[in-house]
């Protein structure tokens, strides 16, 4: 595994005015995840935190702060002391979607944060419940929804999330009549899909792959530019059927900036 020290340690050191006089890190680092435990962001955070903790010789404490499509976690980190010991696992929601969709936020995605590193790009995967396991691709799903207007439930990790917006793009492109059912995170959304409460959803590969391989849900296509190494049997989402869905919501670590007086 690639060492974190060369690229990340320097960036984190820059967060502390006392960095030149102290060995970093001297205490546990808090990594705030803007979504509930069990979702793709949480899986990524805990995987990376374990490796980084071993590399730096210091504990990395993962703290889940769901709610507000990531706004609660983002505000928490923006208000933290800028000493390099509080990081935000930022997503497309916290730093792309929220500032675009909402007029009022209790944080500024640009001014209240300083970037540390981009550490993952996560393609979407289109999945259906086992009630639709006979489907073999997006075309089959579209045909089903057109034949059953208003009777298809689309799950998501929450309103305004990348998966929700992907579904809206599909709905508008194909003029579909469907019902959006938002949940508080990717994990409960997938549980609802498994339980038959919803029919399909766009989600991330890390959050769905174990369920796809277990056969509890079925993957139809991925949004990456090339076939996924993790799910090599799944085709790519056809374009322009989904109006060029961008495949990689970025996942990065951000910290509060140092505000120096002039």
Protein backbone atom coordinates (compact mmCIF):
# COMPACT_ATOMS: atom_id res chain seq x y z
CA UNK A 1 0.00 0.00 0.00
CA UNK A 2 1.20 3.51 -0.82
CA UNK A 3 2.63 5.42 2.13
CA UNK A 4 0.59 8.39 3.29
CA UNK A 5 3.49 10.29 4.79
CA UNK A 6 4.97 12.02 1.72
CA UNK A 7 1.75 13.50 0.39
CA UNK A 8 -0.43 13.94 3.46
CA UNK A 9 1.86 14.63 6.37
CA UNK A 10 3.18 17.83 4.82
CA UNK A 11 -0.34 19.03 4.09
CA UNK A 12 -1.50 18.30 7.61
CA UNK A 13 1.55 19.92 9.15
CA UNK A 14 0.69 23.11 7.34
CA UNK A 15 -2.55 23.24 9.31
CA UNK A 16 -0.78 24.04 12.57
CA UNK A 17 0.95 27.36 13.34
CA UNK A 18 3.16 25.40 15.74
CA UNK A 19 4.06 22.75 13.18
CA UNK A 20 7.66 23.90 13.00
CA UNK A 21 8.08 23.35 16.74
CA UNK A 22 6.11 20.17 17.36
CA UNK A 23 6.16 16.64 16.05
CA UNK A 24 2.93 15.89 14.22
CA UNK A 25 0.76 14.08 15.07
CA UNK A 26 1.08 14.20 18.86
CA UNK A 27 -2.53 13.23 19.54
CA UNK A 28 -5.36 11.31 17.83
CA UNK A 29 -6.74 12.79 14.62
CA UNK A 30 -10.51 13.12 14.29
CA UNK A 31 -11.95 12.25 10.86
CA UNK A 32 -15.55 13.40 10.53
CA UNK A 33 -17.72 11.51 8.03
CA UNK A 34 -20.84 13.38 6.83
CA UNK A 35 -23.00 10.27 6.56
CA UNK A 36 -24.19 7.45 8.88
CA UNK A 37 -22.14 4.33 9.53
CA UNK A 38 -22.32 1.54 6.99
CA UNK A 39 -22.45 3.64 3.83
CA UNK A 40 -19.76 4.00 1.19
CA UNK A 41 -18.23 7.13 2.77
CA UNK A 42 -17.97 5.35 6.10
CA UNK A 43 -16.39 2.28 4.50
CA UNK A 44 -13.82 4.42 2.68
CA UNK A 45 -13.07 6.45 5.80
CA UNK A 46 -12.47 3.45 8.04
CA UNK A 47 -10.36 1.67 5.44
CA UNK A 48 -8.15 4.70 4.91
CA UNK A 49 -8.05 5.59 8.61
CA UNK A 50 -6.72 2.15 9.52
CA UNK A 51 -3.92 2.40 6.97
CA UNK A 52 -3.09 6.00 7.85
CA UNK A 53 -3.05 5.23 11.59
CA UNK A 54 -0.49 2.48 11.00
CA UNK A 55 1.60 4.75 8.79
CA UNK A 56 1.58 7.76 11.14
CA UNK A 57 1.74 5.81 14.40
CA UNK A 58 -1.28 7.66 15.78
CA UNK A 59 -4.97 6.87 16.24
CA UNK A 60 -7.45 8.10 13.65
CA UNK A 61 -10.90 8.39 15.22
CA UNK A 62 -13.76 8.13 12.70
CA UNK A 63 -16.82 10.12 13.78
CA UNK A 64 -20.09 9.83 11.85
CA UNK A 65 -22.20 13.00 11.72
CA UNK A 66 -25.09 12.40 9.35
CA UNK A 67 -27.83 14.85 8.48
CA UNK A 68 -28.44 17.81 6.22
CA UNK A 69 -26.84 16.03 3.25
CA UNK A 70 -23.49 16.49 4.97
CA UNK A 71 -24.08 20.04 6.20
CA UNK A 72 -23.98 19.12 9.90
CA UNK A 73 -20.57 17.47 9.59
CA UNK A 74 -19.20 20.22 7.38
CA UNK A 75 -20.25 22.93 9.84
CA UNK A 76 -18.73 20.95 12.71
CA UNK A 77 -15.34 20.78 11.02
CA UNK A 78 -15.49 24.36 9.75
CA UNK A 79 -15.95 25.48 13.37
CA UNK A 80 -13.13 23.32 14.74
CA UNK A 81 -9.73 24.57 15.82
CA UNK A 82 -7.43 24.74 12.74
CA UNK A 83 -4.66 22.62 14.23
CA UNK A 84 -4.67 19.70 11.80
CA UNK A 85 -6.38 17.32 14.21
CA UNK A 86 -9.90 17.60 12.77
CA UNK A 87 -10.52 16.53 9.18
CA UNK A 88 -13.65 16.28 7.06
CA UNK A 89 -14.22 13.48 4.60
CA UNK A 90 -15.76 15.77 2.00
CA UNK A 91 -17.95 14.44 -0.78
CA UNK A 92 -19.75 15.78 -3.82
CA UNK A 93 -22.62 16.59 -1.46
CA UNK A 94 -20.71 18.76 1.02
CA UNK A 95 -18.63 20.72 -1.46
CA UNK A 96 -20.52 20.53 -4.74
CA UNK A 97 -24.21 19.80 -4.40
CA UNK A 98 -25.09 21.66 -1.19
CA UNK A 99 -23.58 25.02 -2.25
CA UNK A 100 -25.41 24.70 -5.57
CA UNK A 101 -28.84 23.62 -4.34
CA UNK A 102 -29.22 25.51 -1.07
CA UNK A 103 -29.26 29.29 -0.76
CA UNK A 104 -28.43 29.23 2.94
CA UNK A 105 -25.71 27.02 4.41
CA UNK A 106 -24.07 27.32 7.82
CA UNK A 107 -20.65 26.92 6.19
CA UNK A 108 -18.78 28.23 3.17
CA UNK A 109 -17.43 25.34 1.11
CA UNK A 110 -14.56 27.49 -0.18
CA UNK A 111 -13.61 29.91 2.60
CA UNK A 112 -14.12 27.60 5.58
CA UNK A 113 -11.90 24.76 4.36
CA UNK A 114 -8.42 24.04 3.06
CA UNK A 115 -7.84 20.92 0.94
CA UNK A 116 -5.57 18.14 2.16
CA UNK A 117 -5.84 15.47 -0.54
CA UNK A 118 -8.19 13.72 -2.94
CA UNK A 119 -8.00 10.06 -2.00
CA UNK A 120 -10.81 8.33 -3.88
CA UNK A 121 -13.06 8.59 -6.90
CA UNK A 122 -16.18 6.49 -6.64
CA UNK A 123 -18.32 5.43 -9.63
CA UNK A 124 -22.06 5.00 -9.29
CA UNK A 125 -23.73 1.65 -9.87
CA UNK A 126 -27.36 1.17 -10.86
CA UNK A 127 -28.95 -1.59 -8.78
CA UNK A 128 -32.39 -3.20 -8.56
CA UNK A 129 -34.04 -5.40 -5.97
CA UNK A 130 -34.54 -9.10 -6.53
CA UNK A 131 -38.14 -8.51 -7.62
CA UNK A 132 -36.53 -7.25 -10.83
CA UNK A 133 -33.67 -9.73 -11.10
CA UNK A 134 -34.84 -10.68 -14.58
CA UNK A 135 -33.68 -7.27 -15.83
CA UNK A 136 -30.38 -7.20 -17.69
CA UNK A 137 -29.72 -3.51 -18.15
CA UNK A 138 -30.93 0.07 -18.00
CA UNK A 139 -33.14 -0.46 -21.06
CA UNK A 140 -35.16 -3.13 -19.25
CA UNK A 141 -35.65 -0.85 -16.24
CA UNK A 142 -36.79 2.06 -18.42
CA UNK A 143 -39.26 -0.16 -20.29
CA UNK A 144 -40.67 -1.40 -16.98
CA UNK A 145 -41.14 2.13 -15.62
CA UNK A 146 -42.84 3.32 -18.80
CA UNK A 147 -45.18 0.34 -18.67
CA UNK A 148 -45.95 1.02 -14.98
CA UNK A 149 -46.12 4.82 -14.56
CA UNK A 150 -46.13 6.04 -10.97
CA UNK A 151 -45.58 2.55 -9.56
CA UNK A 152 -41.77 2.48 -9.34
CA UNK A 153 -40.01 3.56 -6.13
CA UNK A 154 -36.50 4.94 -6.50
CA UNK A 155 -34.47 4.88 -3.31
CA UNK A 156 -31.57 7.19 -2.47
CA UNK A 157 -29.20 8.00 0.37
CA UNK A 158 -31.07 11.29 0.80
CA UNK A 159 -32.44 14.26 -1.07
CA UNK A 160 -29.74 16.10 -2.99
CA UNK A 161 -27.24 13.23 -2.92
CA UNK A 162 -25.45 12.17 -6.12
CA UNK A 163 -27.63 9.06 -6.36
CA UNK A 164 -30.79 11.14 -6.10
CA UNK A 165 -29.63 13.58 -8.76
CA UNK A 166 -28.62 10.71 -11.05
CA UNK A 167 -32.16 9.38 -10.75
CA UNK A 168 -33.63 12.80 -11.49
CA UNK A 169 -31.46 13.06 -14.60
CA UNK A 170 -32.72 9.68 -15.77
CA UNK A 171 -36.32 10.62 -14.97
CA UNK A 172 -36.10 13.86 -16.94
CA UNK A 173 -34.21 12.32 -19.86
CA UNK A 174 -36.73 9.51 -20.32
CA UNK A 175 -39.82 11.40 -19.07
CA UNK A 176 -40.51 8.81 -16.41
CA UNK A 177 -43.17 8.84 -13.71
CA UNK A 178 -41.55 7.46 -10.56
CA UNK A 179 -41.57 8.03 -6.80
CA UNK A 180 -38.42 9.17 -4.97
CA UNK A 181 -37.96 7.63 -1.52
CA UNK A 182 -35.06 9.28 0.36
CA UNK A 183 -33.34 7.62 3.31
CA UNK A 184 -30.84 8.82 5.89
CA UNK A 185 -27.75 7.33 4.29
CA UNK A 186 -26.73 4.70 1.78
CA UNK A 187 -26.91 1.74 4.18
CA UNK A 188 -30.62 2.13 5.07
CA UNK A 189 -31.41 2.84 1.42
CA UNK A 190 -29.83 -0.45 0.34
CA UNK A 191 -31.59 -2.27 3.20
CA UNK A 192 -34.90 -0.94 1.89
CA UNK A 193 -34.02 -2.13 -1.61
CA UNK A 194 -33.21 -5.60 -0.28
CA UNK A 195 -36.48 -5.60 1.67
CA UNK A 196 -38.55 -4.68 -1.37
CA UNK A 197 -39.58 -1.21 -0.19
CA UNK A 198 -37.96 0.31 -3.27
CA UNK A 199 -37.33 -0.94 -6.80
CA UNK A 200 -34.00 0.59 -7.79
CA UNK A 201 -31.38 3.15 -6.87
CA UNK A 202 -28.11 4.70 -7.95
CA UNK A 203 -25.48 4.17 -5.28
CA UNK A 204 -21.73 3.77 -4.98
CA UNK A 205 -19.79 0.59 -5.65
CA UNK A 206 -18.23 0.31 -2.13
CA UNK A 207 -21.66 0.46 -0.51
CA UNK A 208 -23.29 -2.03 -2.88
CA UNK A 209 -20.65 -4.54 -3.93
CA UNK A 210 -21.03 -6.99 -1.03
CA UNK A 211 -24.80 -7.13 -1.56
CA UNK A 212 -24.41 -7.60 -5.31
CA UNK A 213 -21.98 -10.47 -4.80
CA UNK A 214 -24.25 -12.01 -2.16
CA UNK A 215 -27.14 -11.92 -4.62
CA UNK A 216 -29.43 -9.80 -2.42
CA UNK A 217 -29.57 -7.05 -5.08
CA UNK A 218 -28.65 -7.00 -8.76
CA UNK A 219 -26.29 -4.57 -10.47
CA UNK A 220 -27.33 -3.42 -13.94
CA UNK A 221 -24.61 -0.96 -14.97
CA UNK A 222 -21.81 1.30 -13.71
CA UNK A 223 -21.15 4.96 -14.48
CA UNK A 224 -17.37 4.74 -14.90
CA UNK A 225 -15.59 5.58 -18.14
CA UNK A 226 -14.33 1.99 -18.30
CA UNK A 227 -15.62 -1.28 -16.88
CA UNK A 228 -15.08 -1.57 -13.15
CA UNK A 229 -12.37 -3.93 -11.93
CA UNK A 230 -14.57 -4.60 -8.89
CA UNK A 231 -17.63 -5.49 -11.00
CA UNK A 232 -16.18 -6.48 -14.38
CA UNK A 233 -19.35 -8.22 -15.58
CA UNK A 234 -21.46 -5.06 -15.42
CA UNK A 235 -21.76 -2.92 -18.56
CA UNK A 236 -21.32 0.83 -18.64
CA UNK A 237 -24.33 3.08 -18.33
CA UNK A 238 -25.24 3.97 -21.91
CA UNK A 239 -25.00 7.56 -23.03
CA UNK A 240 -26.91 9.73 -23.75
CA UNK A 241 -29.61 7.68 -22.00
CA UNK A 242 -28.58 9.20 -18.66
CA UNK A 243 -27.45 12.53 -20.11
CA UNK A 244 -23.78 11.90 -19.51
CA UNK A 245 -23.80 11.05 -15.81
CA UNK A 246 -20.46 12.08 -14.39
CA UNK A 247 -18.89 8.89 -13.09
CA UNK A 248 -16.68 10.03 -10.27
CA UNK A 249 -18.03 11.90 -7.26
CA UNK A 250 -14.73 12.78 -5.61
CA UNK A 251 -13.96 11.98 -1.99
CA UNK A 252 -11.34 14.13 -0.28
CA UNK A 253 -10.04 15.18 3.11
CA UNK A 254 -10.38 18.85 4.06
CA UNK A 255 -9.42 20.75 7.19
CA UNK A 256 -10.26 24.17 8.66
CA UNK A 257 -7.98 26.88 7.24
CA UNK A 258 -5.58 29.00 9.25
CA UNK A 259 -6.92 32.53 9.46
CA UNK A 260 -3.90 34.78 9.88
CA UNK A 261 -4.40 38.41 10.86
CA UNK A 262 -2.87 41.00 8.54
